[in-house]
Amino acid sequence: MGLKEAIIRASQGNEITKIWTDSLSSVMAVLDPHTPHKLVQDIQSVLTQNRNILVRWIKAHAGYRGNEEADTLAKKAITEGVVMKALNPRWEFKQYLQELFLKKMAKSLG
């Protein structure tokens, strides 16, 4: 479900977007042209219409910073019910990331 949401959000822009997931089964399902699953078919349809979106696999728990942070946020959302605001347009997302980075830097410096 998260992969579908990421792909749908990426389809709203024109930039080349790489979506990295540590779910190898999800990537394999998306690559299966004979899948019987409606959710996967929906994802395939969006990807077919948006050739600028690339779905790639990344090994889980291998120390990739972005992947570890995504896992942490996903667990937090499950346990605490945190709702992440969808940020559009892209410049707003960049601004949010810059602010988050500056807050983390200030906190670590102390």
C-alpha atoms as a PDB file:
ATOM      1  CA  MET A   1       0.000   0.000   0.000  1.00  0.00           C
ATOM      2  CA  GLY A   2       2.858   2.390   0.816  1.00  0.00           C
ATOM      3  CA  LEU A   3       4.513   1.689  -2.518  1.00  0.00           C
ATOM      4  CA  LYS A   4       1.302   2.506  -4.365  1.00  0.00           C
ATOM      5  CA  GLU A   5       0.945   5.780  -2.456  1.00  0.00           C
ATOM      6  CA  ALA A   6       4.544   6.757  -3.236  1.00  0.00           C
ATOM      7  CA  ILE A   7       4.034   5.993  -6.926  1.00  0.00           C
ATOM      8  CA  ILE A   8       0.788   7.960  -7.077  1.00  0.00           C
ATOM      9  CA  ARG A   9       2.445  10.980  -5.440  1.00  0.00           C
ATOM     10  CA  ALA A  10       5.412  10.736  -7.813  1.00  0.00           C
ATOM     11  CA  SER A  11       3.056  10.592 -10.790  1.00  0.00           C
ATOM     12  CA  GLN A  12       1.832  14.103  -9.962  1.00  0.00           C
ATOM     13  CA  GLY A  13       5.149  15.571 -11.092  1.00  0.00           C
ATOM     14  CA  ASN A  14       7.217  15.440 -14.253  1.00  0.00           C
ATOM     15  CA  GLU A  15      10.593  14.761 -12.658  1.00  0.00           C
ATOM     16  CA  ILE A  16      12.389  11.440 -12.916  1.00  0.00           C
ATOM     17  CA  THR A  17      11.676   9.792  -9.586  1.00  0.00           C
ATOM     18  CA  LYS A  18      13.389   6.754  -8.102  1.00  0.00           C
ATOM     19  CA  ILE A  19      11.434   4.980  -5.395  1.00  0.00           C
ATOM     20  CA  TRP A  20      13.572   2.647  -3.311  1.00  0.00           C
ATOM     21  CA  THR A  21      11.943  -0.153  -1.327  1.00  0.00           C
ATOM     22  CA  ASP A  22      13.395  -2.935   0.781  1.00  0.00           C
ATOM     23  CA  SER A  23      10.455  -5.154  -0.148  1.00  0.00           C
ATOM     24  CA  LEU A  24      11.830  -7.445  -2.822  1.00  0.00           C
ATOM     25  CA  SER A  25       8.477  -9.219  -3.059  1.00  0.00           C
ATOM     26  CA  SER A  26       6.790  -5.909  -3.930  1.00  0.00           C
ATOM     27  CA  VAL A  27       9.284  -5.191  -6.700  1.00  0.00           C
ATOM     28  CA  MET A  28       8.937  -8.724  -8.070  1.00  0.00           C
ATOM     29  CA  ALA A  29       5.133  -8.470  -7.989  1.00  0.00           C
ATOM     30  CA  VAL A  30       5.216  -5.187  -9.922  1.00  0.00           C
ATOM     31  CA  LEU A  31       7.434  -6.825 -12.547  1.00  0.00           C
ATOM     32  CA  ASP A  32       5.033  -9.772 -12.991  1.00  0.00           C
ATOM     33  CA  PRO A  33       2.880  -9.082 -16.091  1.00  0.00           C
ATOM     34  CA  HIS A  34       0.504 -11.919 -15.172  1.00  0.00           C
ATOM     35  CA  THR A  35      -0.286 -10.900 -11.600  1.00  0.00           C
ATOM     36  CA  PRO A  36      -3.867 -11.571 -10.483  1.00  0.00           C
ATOM     37  CA  HIS A  37      -3.677  -8.969  -7.695  1.00  0.00           C
ATOM     38  CA  LYS A  38      -5.715  -5.789  -8.219  1.00  0.00           C
ATOM     39  CA  LEU A  39      -3.397  -3.644  -6.089  1.00  0.00           C
ATOM     40  CA  VAL A  40      -0.376  -4.686  -8.151  1.00  0.00           C
ATOM     41  CA  GLN A  41      -2.297  -4.163 -11.397  1.00  0.00           C
ATOM     42  CA  ASP A  42      -3.152  -0.624 -10.250  1.00  0.00           C
ATOM     43  CA  ILE A  43       0.532   0.055  -9.560  1.00  0.00           C
ATOM     44  CA  GLN A  44       1.525  -1.360 -12.949  1.00  0.00           C
ATOM     45  CA  SER A  45      -1.035   0.862 -14.654  1.00  0.00           C
ATOM     46  CA  VAL A  46       0.333   4.018 -13.025  1.00  0.00           C
ATOM     47  CA  LEU A  47       3.919   3.006 -13.851  1.00  0.00           C
ATOM     48  CA  THR A  48       2.996   2.297 -17.478  1.00  0.00           C
ATOM     49  CA  GLN A  49       1.516   5.789 -17.796  1.00  0.00           C
ATOM     50  CA  ASN A  50       4.474   7.419 -16.021  1.00  0.00           C
ATOM     51  CA  ARG A  51       7.760   6.183 -17.458  1.00  0.00           C
ATOM     52  CA  ASN A  52       9.619   8.751 -15.344  1.00  0.00           C
ATOM     53  CA  ILE A  53       8.994   6.704 -12.163  1.00  0.00           C
ATOM     54  CA  LEU A  54      11.508   3.981 -11.374  1.00  0.00           C
ATOM     55  CA  VAL A  55      10.973   1.416  -8.615  1.00  0.00           C
ATOM     56  CA  ARG A  56      14.168  -0.093  -7.262  1.00  0.00           C
ATOM     57  CA  TRP A  57      15.060  -2.575  -4.520  1.00  0.00           C
ATOM     58  CA  ILE A  58      17.464  -1.835  -1.678  1.00  0.00           C
ATOM     59  CA  LYS A  59      18.686  -4.383   0.845  1.00  0.00           C
ATOM     60  CA  ALA A  60      16.976  -4.017   4.228  1.00  0.00           C
ATOM     61  CA  HIS A  61      18.951  -3.384   7.419  1.00  0.00           C
ATOM     62  CA  ALA A  62      22.178  -2.823   5.512  1.00  0.00           C
ATOM     63  CA  GLY A  63      22.836   0.572   7.060  1.00  0.00           C
ATOM     64  CA  TYR A  64      21.426   2.742   4.281  1.00  0.00           C
ATOM     65  CA  ARG A  65      20.506   5.922   6.115  1.00  0.00           C
ATOM     66  CA  GLY A  66      17.330   6.758   4.229  1.00  0.00           C
ATOM     67  CA  ASN A  67      16.062   3.201   4.515  1.00  0.00           C
ATOM     68  CA  GLU A  68      16.696   3.052   8.258  1.00  0.00           C
ATOM     69  CA  GLU A  69      14.904   6.383   8.735  1.00  0.00           C
ATOM     70  CA  ALA A  70      11.954   5.160   6.657  1.00  0.00           C
ATOM     71  CA  ASP A  71      11.718   2.036   8.823  1.00  0.00           C
ATOM     72  CA  THR A  72      11.811   4.149  11.977  1.00  0.00           C
ATOM     73  CA  LEU A  73       9.070   6.469  10.699  1.00  0.00           C
ATOM     74  CA  ALA A  74       6.904   3.529   9.610  1.00  0.00           C
ATOM     75  CA  LYS A  75       7.197   1.909  13.047  1.00  0.00           C
ATOM     76  CA  LYS A  76       6.433   5.222  14.720  1.00  0.00           C
ATOM     77  CA  ALA A  77       3.338   5.695  12.567  1.00  0.00           C
ATOM     78  CA  ILE A  78       2.101   2.226  13.532  1.00  0.00           C
ATOM     79  CA  THR A  79       2.707   2.602  17.266  1.00  0.00           C
ATOM     80  CA  GLU A  80       1.857   6.287  17.708  1.00  0.00           C
ATOM     81  CA  GLY A  81      -0.608   6.884  14.912  1.00  0.00           C
ATOM     82  CA  VAL A  82       1.528   9.640  13.417  1.00  0.00           C
ATOM     83  CA  VAL A  83       0.085  11.105  10.247  1.00  0.00           C
ATOM     84  CA  MET A  84       2.604  12.483   7.794  1.00  0.00           C
ATOM     85  CA  LYS A  85       1.407  15.510   5.863  1.00  0.00           C
ATOM     86  CA  ALA A  86       1.701  15.145   2.111  1.00  0.00           C
ATOM     87  CA  LEU A  87       3.674  18.117   0.887  1.00  0.00           C
ATOM     88  CA  ASN A  88       3.010  19.561  -2.523  1.00  0.00           C
ATOM     89  CA  PRO A  89       4.488  21.108  -4.594  1.00  0.00           C
ATOM     90  CA  ARG A  90       8.064  19.839  -4.689  1.00  0.00           C
ATOM     91  CA  TRP A  91       9.631  23.087  -3.446  1.00  0.00           C
ATOM     92  CA  GLU A  92       7.537  22.790  -0.279  1.00  0.00           C
ATOM     93  CA  PHE A  93       8.888  19.294   0.298  1.00  0.00           C
ATOM     94  CA  LYS A  94      12.464  20.535  -0.196  1.00  0.00           C
ATOM     95  CA  GLN A  95      11.840  23.334   2.288  1.00  0.00           C
ATOM     96  CA  TYR A  96      10.454  20.851   4.810  1.00  0.00           C
ATOM     97  CA  LEU A  97      13.522  18.606   4.418  1.00  0.00           C
ATOM     98  CA  GLN A  98      15.877  21.570   4.870  1.00  0.00           C
ATOM     99  CA  GLU A  99      14.093  22.595   8.070  1.00  0.00           C
ATOM    100  CA  LEU A 100      14.153  19.028   9.367  1.00  0.00           C
ATOM    101  CA  PHE A 101      17.864  18.744   8.578  1.00  0.00           C
ATOM    102  CA  LEU A 102      18.649  22.023  10.354  1.00  0.00           C
ATOM    103  CA  LYS A 103      16.687  20.940  13.436  1.00  0.00           C
ATOM    104  CA  LYS A 104      18.534  17.615  13.565  1.00  0.00           C
ATOM    105  CA  MET A 105      21.893  19.360  13.153  1.00  0.00           C
ATOM    106  CA  ALA A 106      21.087  21.859  15.905  1.00  0.00           C
ATOM    107  CA  LYS A 107      20.002  19.036  18.190  1.00  0.00           C
ATOM    108  CA  SER A 108      23.137  16.974  17.538  1.00  0.00           C
ATOM    109  CA  LEU A 109      25.425  19.976  18.068  1.00  0.00           C
ATOM    110  CA  GLY A 110      23.623  20.763  21.097  1.00  0.00           C
END
